[in-house]
Amino acid sequence: MFKYLLILSCLVMPLTSNSADYAYYGFEPDIVTNYVAVKKKMGYVRLTVELMVPSDNIEIVEHHSPLLRDAIIDIIGKQPEEKIKSIKGRSEIQLKCEEKVKALLIKETGKPLIKKLLFTQWLDN
């Protein structure tokens, strides 16, 4: 009997001790910003951004959200139309935004605090 309990505890322990409780922080309202399109025409993009955050860090991330929002808007506003309009380009922009947000949080708090940055909606013209 003890042998079976030991095996069972070895199987259950990693699942409970290593699992993190995550929450999602969404920027409200959606981010809307311009980008320079072909022939100097202005285009715009509207996106919903969610941050995957360990639950105990959500208030800290919320406190820094104006800084993070500004960084995301700055990155998107500097992107060429080709990147804005392509799936591959959007993935690159998403990664660039995630890296910038983590860097800013490290600078402000000493830790990256987020697990992932997600674009959950993307509309462009």
Protein backbone atom coordinates (compact mmCIF):
# COMPACT_ATOMS: atom_id res chain seq x y z
CA MET A 1 0.00 0.00 0.00
CA PHE A 2 2.77 2.46 0.93
CA LYS A 3 4.52 1.76 -2.38
CA TYR A 4 1.39 2.80 -4.31
CA LEU A 5 0.94 5.97 -2.23
CA LEU A 6 4.54 6.94 -2.88
CA ILE A 7 4.13 6.47 -6.64
CA LEU A 8 0.85 8.40 -6.59
CA SER A 9 2.41 11.27 -4.63
CA CYS A 10 5.29 11.45 -7.11
CA LEU A 11 2.83 11.77 -9.97
CA VAL A 12 0.64 14.39 -8.30
CA MET A 13 3.31 16.60 -6.70
CA PRO A 14 4.79 18.05 -9.93
CA LEU A 15 1.34 18.98 -11.18
CA THR A 16 0.38 20.92 -8.09
CA SER A 17 3.71 22.40 -7.04
CA ASN A 18 4.85 23.73 -10.45
CA SER A 19 1.58 25.04 -11.80
CA ALA A 20 1.22 28.81 -11.79
CA ASP A 21 -2.04 30.67 -11.54
CA TYR A 22 -2.27 33.09 -14.47
CA ALA A 23 -4.66 35.92 -15.22
CA TYR A 24 -5.06 38.08 -18.30
CA TYR A 25 -4.76 41.85 -18.22
CA GLY A 26 -6.36 43.61 -21.17
CA PHE A 27 -5.72 47.21 -22.14
CA GLU A 28 -8.95 49.20 -22.10
CA PRO A 29 -9.95 50.72 -24.43
CA ASP A 30 -8.49 48.93 -27.45
CA ILE A 31 -5.32 50.43 -28.87
CA VAL A 32 -5.91 52.56 -31.96
CA THR A 33 -2.94 54.15 -33.71
CA ASN A 34 -1.76 55.35 -37.11
CA TYR A 35 1.02 54.01 -39.29
CA VAL A 36 2.56 55.42 -42.47
CA ALA A 37 1.11 53.66 -45.47
CA VAL A 38 2.26 53.63 -49.08
CA LYS A 39 2.42 57.05 -50.82
CA LYS A 40 2.49 58.86 -47.44
CA LYS A 41 -1.16 57.99 -46.88
CA MET A 42 -2.03 57.39 -43.24
CA GLY A 43 -3.46 54.05 -42.23
CA TYR A 44 -4.70 52.97 -38.87
CA VAL A 45 -4.78 49.81 -36.83
CA ARG A 46 -7.04 48.88 -33.93
CA LEU A 47 -5.98 46.02 -31.73
CA THR A 48 -6.85 44.30 -28.50
CA VAL A 49 -3.82 43.43 -26.41
CA GLU A 50 -3.85 40.93 -23.54
CA LEU A 51 -0.98 40.23 -21.16
CA MET A 52 -0.67 36.80 -19.56
CA VAL A 53 0.40 37.58 -16.00
CA PRO A 54 0.90 35.48 -12.86
CA SER A 55 -2.12 36.41 -10.70
CA ASP A 56 -0.05 37.92 -7.91
CA ASN A 57 1.51 40.44 -10.36
CA ILE A 58 -1.69 41.75 -11.95
CA GLU A 59 -1.89 44.91 -9.80
CA ILE A 60 1.73 45.80 -10.52
CA VAL A 61 1.20 45.38 -14.28
CA GLU A 62 -1.99 47.45 -14.07
CA HIS A 63 -0.06 50.21 -12.28
CA HIS A 64 2.47 50.33 -15.14
CA SER A 65 -0.12 49.97 -17.93
CA PRO A 66 0.13 53.59 -19.23
CA LEU A 67 3.87 53.12 -19.82
CA LEU A 68 3.32 49.73 -21.47
CA ARG A 69 0.48 51.02 -23.65
CA ASP A 70 2.64 53.92 -24.85
CA ALA A 71 5.48 51.54 -25.77
CA ILE A 72 3.12 49.33 -27.80
CA ILE A 73 1.65 52.35 -29.63
CA ASP A 74 5.17 53.63 -30.37
CA ILE A 75 6.28 50.30 -31.84
CA ILE A 76 3.19 49.88 -34.02
CA GLY A 77 3.31 53.48 -35.26
CA LYS A 78 6.82 52.93 -36.63
CA GLN A 79 5.97 49.79 -38.63
CA PRO A 80 5.72 49.79 -42.42
CA GLU A 81 2.45 48.91 -44.09
CA GLU A 82 3.84 45.58 -45.35
CA LYS A 83 4.33 44.38 -41.77
CA ILE A 84 0.98 45.72 -40.58
CA LYS A 85 -0.85 43.89 -43.39
CA SER A 86 0.93 40.51 -43.22
CA ILE A 87 0.48 37.66 -40.76
CA LYS A 88 4.25 37.16 -40.46
CA GLY A 89 4.72 40.89 -39.88
CA ARG A 90 2.09 40.91 -37.15
CA SER A 91 3.87 38.04 -35.41
CA GLU A 92 7.13 40.00 -35.55
CA ILE A 93 5.39 43.09 -34.17
CA GLN A 94 3.82 41.03 -31.39
CA LEU A 95 7.21 39.60 -30.40
CA LYS A 96 8.81 43.05 -30.51
CA CYS A 97 6.03 44.42 -28.27
CA GLU A 98 6.41 41.52 -25.83
CA GLU A 99 10.17 42.04 -25.59
CA LYS A 100 9.72 45.79 -25.03
CA VAL A 101 7.04 45.30 -22.36
CA LYS A 102 9.23 42.78 -20.52
CA ALA A 103 12.24 45.12 -20.73
CA LEU A 104 10.23 48.03 -19.34
CA LEU A 105 8.88 45.93 -16.49
CA ILE A 106 12.38 44.72 -15.66
CA LYS A 107 13.57 48.34 -15.61
CA GLU A 108 10.66 49.43 -13.39
CA THR A 109 10.30 46.41 -11.08
CA GLY A 110 13.35 44.20 -11.53
CA LYS A 111 11.25 41.36 -13.03
CA PRO A 112 9.59 40.79 -16.43
CA LEU A 113 6.26 40.04 -14.63
CA ILE A 114 4.46 38.81 -17.77
CA LYS A 115 4.50 35.40 -19.39
CA LYS A 116 3.15 36.37 -22.82
CA LEU A 117 1.75 39.30 -24.81
CA LEU A 118 -1.11 38.42 -27.14
CA PHE A 119 -2.90 40.31 -29.90
CA THR A 120 -6.43 38.95 -29.60
CA GLN A 121 -7.98 41.23 -32.22
CA TRP A 122 -6.38 43.11 -35.14
CA LEU A 123 -8.20 45.42 -37.53
CA ASP A 124 -6.38 47.57 -40.09
CA ASN A 125 -7.24 49.66 -43.13
